[in-house]
Amino acid sequence: MQIKKIVAAISLVILSTPALAEMEECTDLDKAHWLKQEEIQKILYERGYKIVNFELVGSCYKVHLETKEGKQVEGIYNPVGGHPMQRKVE
């Protein structure tokens, strides 16, 4: 019985790994083609966001923002064009 639980747990980890990898892979282009962090930050600032946290995760920029209304926004941005790959508003 214990072996079945271990196999099930390992299977879940293996199946979830590609999903996690996809979230950290926004581009396969060399960093020479990427927008600089400052450029994306400027774009977001001009759109009215306050940047709370900005970090590089894999080949994506992961950004925590705040709207003028105080809502929290978490986004994954492609560093090549600066467009959002995923966004969540809280």
C-alpha atoms as a PDB file:
ATOM      1  CA  MET A   1       0.000   0.000   0.000  1.00  0.00           C
ATOM      2  CA  GLN A   2       2.824   2.404   0.878  1.00  0.00           C
ATOM      3  CA  ILE A   3       4.497   1.781  -2.495  1.00  0.00           C
ATOM      4  CA  LYS A   4       1.319   2.844  -4.340  1.00  0.00           C
ATOM      5  CA  LYS A   5       1.315   6.165  -2.467  1.00  0.00           C
ATOM      6  CA  ILE A   6       4.977   6.761  -3.290  1.00  0.00           C
ATOM      7  CA  VAL A   7       4.434   5.953  -6.974  1.00  0.00           C
ATOM      8  CA  ALA A   8       1.404   8.264  -7.064  1.00  0.00           C
ATOM      9  CA  ALA A   9       3.390  11.116  -5.474  1.00  0.00           C
ATOM     10  CA  ILE A  10       6.290  10.685  -7.906  1.00  0.00           C
ATOM     11  CA  SER A  11       3.849  10.637 -10.835  1.00  0.00           C
ATOM     12  CA  LEU A  12       2.322  13.936  -9.718  1.00  0.00           C
ATOM     13  CA  VAL A  13       5.743  15.559  -9.533  1.00  0.00           C
ATOM     14  CA  ILE A  14       6.735  14.285 -12.965  1.00  0.00           C
ATOM     15  CA  LEU A  15       3.459  15.386 -14.546  1.00  0.00           C
ATOM     16  CA  SER A  16       3.582  18.852 -12.994  1.00  0.00           C
ATOM     17  CA  THR A  17       7.198  19.562 -13.963  1.00  0.00           C
ATOM     18  CA  PRO A  18       6.446  20.458 -17.624  1.00  0.00           C
ATOM     19  CA  ALA A  19       3.744  22.900 -16.500  1.00  0.00           C
ATOM     20  CA  LEU A  20       6.181  24.638 -14.166  1.00  0.00           C
ATOM     21  CA  ALA A  21       8.857  24.733 -16.853  1.00  0.00           C
ATOM     22  CA  GLU A  22       6.446  26.367 -19.325  1.00  0.00           C
ATOM     23  CA  MET A  23       5.753  29.175 -16.871  1.00  0.00           C
ATOM     24  CA  GLU A  24       9.440  29.956 -16.666  1.00  0.00           C
ATOM     25  CA  GLU A  25      10.055  29.809 -20.411  1.00  0.00           C
ATOM     26  CA  CYS A  26       8.865  32.873 -22.277  1.00  0.00           C
ATOM     27  CA  THR A  27      11.446  32.878 -25.049  1.00  0.00           C
ATOM     28  CA  ASP A  28      14.356  30.921 -26.399  1.00  0.00           C
ATOM     29  CA  LEU A  29      15.978  33.985 -27.943  1.00  0.00           C
ATOM     30  CA  ASP A  30      19.364  35.166 -26.713  1.00  0.00           C
ATOM     31  CA  LYS A  31      19.370  37.951 -24.104  1.00  0.00           C
ATOM     32  CA  ALA A  32      20.741  40.313 -26.742  1.00  0.00           C
ATOM     33  CA  HIS A  33      17.173  40.407 -28.143  1.00  0.00           C
ATOM     34  CA  TRP A  34      15.512  41.118 -24.795  1.00  0.00           C
ATOM     35  CA  LEU A  35      14.243  44.460 -23.583  1.00  0.00           C
ATOM     36  CA  LYS A  36      16.175  45.649 -20.557  1.00  0.00           C
ATOM     37  CA  GLN A  37      14.421  45.539 -17.201  1.00  0.00           C
ATOM     38  CA  GLU A  38      14.366  49.333 -17.138  1.00  0.00           C
ATOM     39  CA  GLU A  39      12.551  49.441 -20.475  1.00  0.00           C
ATOM     40  CA  ILE A  40       9.757  47.123 -19.344  1.00  0.00           C
ATOM     41  CA  GLN A  41       9.544  48.924 -16.009  1.00  0.00           C
ATOM     42  CA  LYS A  42       9.127  52.231 -17.874  1.00  0.00           C
ATOM     43  CA  ILE A  43       6.338  50.748 -20.034  1.00  0.00           C
ATOM     44  CA  LEU A  44       4.498  49.468 -16.968  1.00  0.00           C
ATOM     45  CA  TYR A  45       4.969  52.789 -15.143  1.00  0.00           C
ATOM     46  CA  GLU A  46       3.580  54.673 -18.146  1.00  0.00           C
ATOM     47  CA  ARG A  47       0.533  52.367 -18.048  1.00  0.00           C
ATOM     48  CA  GLY A  48      -0.117  53.558 -14.506  1.00  0.00           C
ATOM     49  CA  TYR A  49       1.351  50.725 -12.459  1.00  0.00           C
ATOM     50  CA  LYS A  50       3.532  50.978  -9.383  1.00  0.00           C
ATOM     51  CA  ILE A  51       6.220  48.270  -9.445  1.00  0.00           C
ATOM     52  CA  VAL A  52       6.395  46.396  -6.156  1.00  0.00           C
ATOM     53  CA  ASN A  53       8.812  43.641  -7.224  1.00  0.00           C
ATOM     54  CA  PHE A  54      10.567  42.825 -10.494  1.00  0.00           C
ATOM     55  CA  GLU A  55      12.635  39.679 -11.028  1.00  0.00           C
ATOM     56  CA  LEU A  56      13.955  37.353 -13.697  1.00  0.00           C
ATOM     57  CA  VAL A  57      12.545  33.823 -13.480  1.00  0.00           C
ATOM     58  CA  GLY A  58      13.829  31.466 -16.155  1.00  0.00           C
ATOM     59  CA  SER A  59      13.454  33.414 -19.372  1.00  0.00           C
ATOM     60  CA  CYS A  60      10.565  35.548 -18.087  1.00  0.00           C
ATOM     61  CA  TYR A  61      10.203  38.720 -16.107  1.00  0.00           C
ATOM     62  CA  LYS A  62       7.980  38.110 -13.080  1.00  0.00           C
ATOM     63  CA  VAL A  63       6.460  41.356 -11.859  1.00  0.00           C
ATOM     64  CA  HIS A  64       4.318  42.305  -8.874  1.00  0.00           C
ATOM     65  CA  LEU A  65       2.442  45.530  -9.538  1.00  0.00           C
ATOM     66  CA  GLU A  66      -0.087  47.789  -7.871  1.00  0.00           C
ATOM     67  CA  THR A  67      -2.794  49.666  -9.753  1.00  0.00           C
ATOM     68  CA  LYS A  68      -3.830  53.253  -9.022  1.00  0.00           C
ATOM     69  CA  GLU A  69      -6.831  51.773  -7.210  1.00  0.00           C
ATOM     70  CA  GLY A  70      -4.555  49.704  -4.959  1.00  0.00           C
ATOM     71  CA  LYS A  71      -5.247  46.312  -6.570  1.00  0.00           C
ATOM     72  CA  GLN A  72      -2.366  43.849  -6.634  1.00  0.00           C
ATOM     73  CA  VAL A  73      -1.355  42.437 -10.023  1.00  0.00           C
ATOM     74  CA  GLU A  74       1.053  39.572 -10.569  1.00  0.00           C
ATOM     75  CA  GLY A  75       2.319  39.098 -14.093  1.00  0.00           C
ATOM     76  CA  ILE A  76       4.712  37.081 -16.196  1.00  0.00           C
ATOM     77  CA  TYR A  77       6.104  39.152 -19.080  1.00  0.00           C
ATOM     78  CA  ASN A  78       7.959  38.112 -22.199  1.00  0.00           C
ATOM     79  CA  PRO A  79      11.307  39.931 -22.187  1.00  0.00           C
ATOM     80  CA  VAL A  80      11.470  40.191 -25.972  1.00  0.00           C
ATOM     81  CA  GLY A  81       8.333  42.233 -26.609  1.00  0.00           C
ATOM     82  CA  GLY A  82       7.318  43.087 -23.070  1.00  0.00           C
ATOM     83  CA  HIS A  83       3.827  41.656 -23.484  1.00  0.00           C
ATOM     84  CA  PRO A  84       2.131  39.765 -20.654  1.00  0.00           C
ATOM     85  CA  MET A  85       2.174  35.983 -20.851  1.00  0.00           C
ATOM     86  CA  GLN A  86       0.068  35.567 -17.743  1.00  0.00           C
ATOM     87  CA  ARG A  87      -1.596  38.002 -15.336  1.00  0.00           C
ATOM     88  CA  LYS A  88      -3.526  37.673 -12.128  1.00  0.00           C
ATOM     89  CA  VAL A  89      -5.360  40.563 -10.478  1.00  0.00           C
ATOM     90  CA  GLU A  90      -6.137  40.292  -6.771  1.00  0.00           C
END
